[in-house]
Amino acid sequence: METDTAISATEQLVQLRAELERRGWAPEVRGTKQMPYLNVANPADPGLNGMVTARHDHYRWTWGPELGPLDDVPGAADAILTLLREVGP
């Protein structure tokens, strides 16, 4: 059962990766089967980056805050891009 959860989390992260790729970003699924995460970096400023997990029916930053429910991939992508966008002068 533990493996099923990990596979499901990986599949959710792959869906989020595809959404972010459609928007011009290049995130990578990393981690282990038991603890996968999506490494996301702003392509214009790689210093703006974060790691996202898929657990407890939500996408979350690895430090805990929710990005959105797993069934709202575009919404989670919006939240990621909002946080990791460049802030101009």
N, C-alpha and C. Protein backbone atom coordinates (compact mmCIF):
# COMPACT_ATOMS: atom_id res chain seq x y z
N MET A 1 0.83 -1.20 0.00
CA MET A 1 0.00 0.00 0.00
C MET A 1 0.87 1.25 0.00
N GLU A 2 1.96 1.24 0.72
CA GLU A 2 2.87 2.38 0.75
C GLU A 2 3.35 2.71 -0.67
N THR A 3 3.65 1.67 -1.45
CA THR A 3 4.11 1.88 -2.82
C THR A 3 3.02 2.53 -3.67
N ASP A 4 1.77 2.10 -3.50
CA ASP A 4 0.68 2.70 -4.26
C ASP A 4 0.58 4.20 -4.00
N THR A 5 0.76 4.61 -2.76
CA THR A 5 0.71 6.03 -2.42
C THR A 5 1.84 6.78 -3.12
N ALA A 6 3.04 6.20 -3.10
CA ALA A 6 4.19 6.85 -3.72
C ALA A 6 4.00 6.96 -5.23
N ILE A 7 3.50 5.90 -5.85
CA ILE A 7 3.26 5.96 -7.30
C ILE A 7 2.22 7.03 -7.61
N SER A 8 1.17 7.09 -6.83
CA SER A 8 0.15 8.09 -7.03
C SER A 8 0.72 9.50 -6.88
N ALA A 9 1.56 9.71 -5.89
CA ALA A 9 2.18 11.02 -5.69
C ALA A 9 3.06 11.37 -6.88
N THR A 10 3.81 10.40 -7.37
CA THR A 10 4.67 10.65 -8.53
C THR A 10 3.83 11.01 -9.74
N GLU A 11 2.74 10.28 -9.95
CA GLU A 11 1.87 10.59 -11.09
C GLU A 11 1.28 11.99 -10.97
N GLN A 12 0.91 12.39 -9.77
CA GLN A 12 0.38 13.75 -9.56
C GLN A 12 1.45 14.79 -9.88
N LEU A 13 2.67 14.52 -9.47
CA LEU A 13 3.76 15.47 -9.73
C LEU A 13 4.08 15.53 -11.22
N VAL A 14 3.97 14.41 -11.92
CA VAL A 14 4.18 14.40 -13.36
C VAL A 14 3.12 15.26 -14.06
N GLN A 15 1.89 15.20 -13.59
CA GLN A 15 0.84 16.06 -14.16
C GLN A 15 1.14 17.54 -13.94
N LEU A 16 1.60 17.87 -12.75
CA LEU A 16 1.95 19.26 -12.45
C LEU A 16 3.15 19.69 -13.27
N ARG A 17 4.13 18.80 -13.41
CA ARG A 17 5.30 19.12 -14.25
C ARG A 17 4.85 19.43 -15.68
N ALA A 18 3.95 18.63 -16.23
CA ALA A 18 3.47 18.86 -17.60
C ALA A 18 2.79 20.22 -17.72
N GLU A 19 2.00 20.60 -16.73
CA GLU A 19 1.34 21.91 -16.75
C GLU A 19 2.36 23.04 -16.72
N LEU A 20 3.37 22.91 -15.88
CA LEU A 20 4.40 23.94 -15.80
C LEU A 20 5.24 23.99 -17.08
N GLU A 21 5.50 22.84 -17.68
CA GLU A 21 6.23 22.81 -18.95
C GLU A 21 5.45 23.53 -20.04
N ARG A 22 4.11 23.37 -20.05
CA ARG A 22 3.28 24.09 -21.04
C ARG A 22 3.42 25.60 -20.87
N ARG A 23 3.80 26.02 -19.68
CA ARG A 23 3.95 27.45 -19.40
C ARG A 23 5.39 27.93 -19.54
N GLY A 24 6.26 27.07 -20.06
CA GLY A 24 7.64 27.47 -20.35
C GLY A 24 8.65 27.21 -19.24
N TRP A 25 8.25 26.50 -18.21
CA TRP A 25 9.16 26.16 -17.12
C TRP A 25 9.67 24.75 -17.32
N ALA A 26 10.73 24.34 -16.61
CA ALA A 26 11.33 23.02 -16.78
C ALA A 26 11.56 22.33 -15.43
N PRO A 27 10.48 22.02 -14.71
CA PRO A 27 10.65 21.36 -13.41
C PRO A 27 11.07 19.91 -13.58
N GLU A 28 11.64 19.35 -12.52
CA GLU A 28 12.10 17.96 -12.55
C GLU A 28 11.52 17.19 -11.37
N VAL A 29 11.01 15.98 -11.65
CA VAL A 29 10.59 15.10 -10.57
C VAL A 29 11.84 14.44 -10.02
N ARG A 30 12.02 14.54 -8.72
CA ARG A 30 13.20 13.99 -8.04
C ARG A 30 12.75 13.24 -6.79
N GLY A 31 13.71 12.83 -6.00
CA GLY A 31 13.42 12.13 -4.76
C GLY A 31 13.40 10.63 -4.97
N THR A 32 12.70 9.95 -4.10
CA THR A 32 12.60 8.50 -4.15
C THR A 32 11.16 8.09 -4.44
N LYS A 33 10.95 6.81 -4.67
CA LYS A 33 9.58 6.33 -4.88
C LYS A 33 8.71 6.63 -3.67
N GLN A 34 9.29 6.55 -2.49
CA GLN A 34 8.53 6.79 -1.27
C GLN A 34 8.36 8.28 -0.97
N MET A 35 9.28 9.11 -1.43
CA MET A 35 9.24 10.54 -1.12
C MET A 35 9.57 11.37 -2.37
N PRO A 36 8.72 11.32 -3.40
CA PRO A 36 9.00 12.12 -4.60
C PRO A 36 8.69 13.59 -4.36
N TYR A 37 9.36 14.44 -5.12
CA TYR A 37 9.05 15.86 -5.09
C TYR A 37 9.35 16.45 -6.45
N LEU A 38 8.80 17.61 -6.70
CA LEU A 38 9.01 18.33 -7.94
C LEU A 38 9.90 19.53 -7.64
N ASN A 39 11.05 19.56 -8.28
CA ASN A 39 11.97 20.69 -8.12
C ASN A 39 11.61 21.73 -9.18
N VAL A 40 11.23 22.92 -8.74
CA VAL A 40 10.76 23.97 -9.64
C VAL A 40 11.65 25.19 -9.48
N ALA A 41 12.11 25.74 -10.59
CA ALA A 41 12.92 26.96 -10.55
C ALA A 41 12.46 27.90 -11.65
N ASN A 42 12.46 29.18 -11.34
CA ASN A 42 12.12 30.20 -12.33
C ASN A 42 13.20 30.16 -13.42
N PRO A 43 12.81 29.96 -14.69
CA PRO A 43 13.82 29.87 -15.74
C PRO A 43 14.61 31.16 -15.94
N ALA A 44 14.04 32.28 -15.59
CA ALA A 44 14.74 33.57 -15.73
C ALA A 44 15.63 33.87 -14.53
N ASP A 45 15.36 33.23 -13.40
CA ASP A 45 16.14 33.44 -12.18
C ASP A 45 16.12 32.16 -11.35
N PRO A 46 17.02 31.21 -11.63
CA PRO A 46 17.01 29.92 -10.94
C PRO A 46 17.15 30.01 -9.43
N GLY A 47 17.56 31.16 -8.92
CA GLY A 47 17.62 31.35 -7.48
C GLY A 47 16.23 31.38 -6.85
N LEU A 48 15.22 31.64 -7.65
CA LEU A 48 13.83 31.58 -7.19
C LEU A 48 13.35 30.17 -7.45
N ASN A 49 13.36 29.33 -6.43
CA ASN A 49 13.04 27.93 -6.62
C ASN A 49 12.38 27.34 -5.39
N GLY A 50 11.84 26.15 -5.56
CA GLY A 50 11.21 25.46 -4.44
C GLY A 50 10.94 24.01 -4.79
N MET A 51 10.56 23.25 -3.79
CA MET A 51 10.25 21.84 -3.96
C MET A 51 8.79 21.60 -3.56
N VAL A 52 8.09 20.86 -4.40
CA VAL A 52 6.66 20.61 -4.22
C VAL A 52 6.43 19.11 -4.04
N THR A 53 5.56 18.76 -3.11
CA THR A 53 5.14 17.38 -2.92
C THR A 53 3.66 17.25 -3.23
N ALA A 54 3.20 16.01 -3.35
CA ALA A 54 1.79 15.72 -3.54
C ALA A 54 1.39 14.77 -2.41
N ARG A 55 0.72 15.32 -1.41
CA ARG A 55 0.33 14.47 -0.28
C ARG A 55 -0.92 15.03 0.39
N HIS A 56 -1.64 14.13 1.03
CA HIS A 56 -2.86 14.49 1.75
C HIS A 56 -3.83 15.26 0.85
N ASP A 57 -3.98 14.80 -0.39
CA ASP A 57 -4.92 15.36 -1.36
C ASP A 57 -4.59 16.78 -1.81
N HIS A 58 -3.38 17.24 -1.54
CA HIS A 58 -2.97 18.58 -1.96
C HIS A 58 -1.53 18.61 -2.48
N TYR A 59 -1.28 19.55 -3.35
CA TYR A 59 0.10 19.90 -3.67
C TYR A 59 0.55 20.82 -2.55
N ARG A 60 1.77 20.62 -2.10
CA ARG A 60 2.30 21.43 -0.99
C ARG A 60 3.77 21.73 -1.23
N TRP A 61 4.20 22.87 -0.73
CA TRP A 61 5.63 23.12 -0.65
C TRP A 61 6.19 22.12 0.36
N THR A 62 7.43 21.72 0.21
CA THR A 62 7.99 20.72 1.12
C THR A 62 8.01 21.23 2.56
N TRP A 63 7.99 22.53 2.75
CA TRP A 63 7.98 23.06 4.12
C TRP A 63 6.56 23.14 4.68
N GLY A 64 5.54 22.72 3.89
CA GLY A 64 4.21 22.56 4.45
C GLY A 64 3.04 23.29 3.83
N PRO A 65 3.16 24.56 3.45
CA PRO A 65 1.98 25.28 2.95
C PRO A 65 1.36 24.65 1.70
N GLU A 66 0.05 24.65 1.65
CA GLU A 66 -0.68 24.08 0.51
C GLU A 66 -0.63 25.02 -0.69
N LEU A 67 -0.55 24.39 -1.87
CA LEU A 67 -0.62 25.13 -3.13
C LEU A 67 -1.97 24.95 -3.80
N GLY A 68 -2.66 23.89 -3.45
CA GLY A 68 -3.97 23.63 -4.02
C GLY A 68 -4.25 22.15 -4.05
N PRO A 69 -5.52 21.79 -4.26
CA PRO A 69 -5.89 20.37 -4.29
C PRO A 69 -5.30 19.66 -5.51
N LEU A 70 -5.10 18.36 -5.36
CA LEU A 70 -4.53 17.57 -6.45
C LEU A 70 -5.38 17.59 -7.70
N ASP A 71 -6.69 17.84 -7.57
CA ASP A 71 -7.55 17.87 -8.75
C ASP A 71 -7.60 19.24 -9.42
N ASP A 72 -6.78 20.17 -8.96
CA ASP A 72 -6.70 21.50 -9.58
C ASP A 72 -5.25 21.80 -9.98
N VAL A 73 -4.77 21.06 -10.97
CA VAL A 73 -3.39 21.21 -11.43
C VAL A 73 -3.11 22.64 -11.92
N PRO A 74 -3.98 23.24 -12.76
CA PRO A 74 -3.71 24.61 -13.21
C PRO A 74 -3.65 25.61 -12.04
N GLY A 75 -4.50 25.42 -11.04
CA GLY A 75 -4.48 26.31 -9.89
C GLY A 75 -3.19 26.20 -9.10
N ALA A 76 -2.70 24.97 -8.93
CA ALA A 76 -1.43 24.77 -8.22
C ALA A 76 -0.29 25.40 -9.02
N ALA A 77 -0.32 25.23 -10.33
CA ALA A 77 0.71 25.84 -11.18
C ALA A 77 0.67 27.36 -11.05
N ASP A 78 -0.53 27.94 -11.03
CA ASP A 78 -0.66 29.39 -10.85
C ASP A 78 -0.02 29.83 -9.53
N ALA A 79 -0.28 29.08 -8.46
CA ALA A 79 0.27 29.42 -7.15
C ALA A 79 1.79 29.36 -7.15
N ILE A 80 2.35 28.35 -7.82
CA ILE A 80 3.81 28.22 -7.90
C ILE A 80 4.40 29.39 -8.66
N LEU A 81 3.82 29.70 -9.82
CA LEU A 81 4.35 30.78 -10.64
C LEU A 81 4.22 32.13 -9.93
N THR A 82 3.16 32.30 -9.17
CA THR A 82 2.99 33.55 -8.43
C THR A 82 4.10 33.72 -7.40
N LEU A 83 4.40 32.66 -6.69
CA LEU A 83 5.43 32.77 -5.65
C LEU A 83 6.84 32.87 -6.23
N LEU A 84 7.11 32.15 -7.30
CA LEU A 84 8.47 32.10 -7.84
C LEU A 84 8.71 33.08 -8.99
N ARG A 85 7.79 34.01 -9.19
CA ARG A 85 7.98 34.99 -10.26
C ARG A 85 9.02 36.03 -9.85
N GLU A 86 9.56 36.66 -10.84
CA GLU A 86 10.49 37.74 -10.57
C GLU A 86 9.74 38.96 -10.12
N VAL A 87 10.29 39.66 -9.19
CA VAL A 87 9.71 40.92 -8.72
C VAL A 87 10.56 42.03 -9.30
N GLY A 88 9.96 42.80 -10.16
CA GLY A 88 10.70 43.87 -10.83
C GLY A 88 10.80 45.12 -9.98
N PRO A 89 11.59 46.07 -10.45
CA PRO A 89 11.76 47.34 -9.71
C PRO A 89 10.50 48.17 -9.72
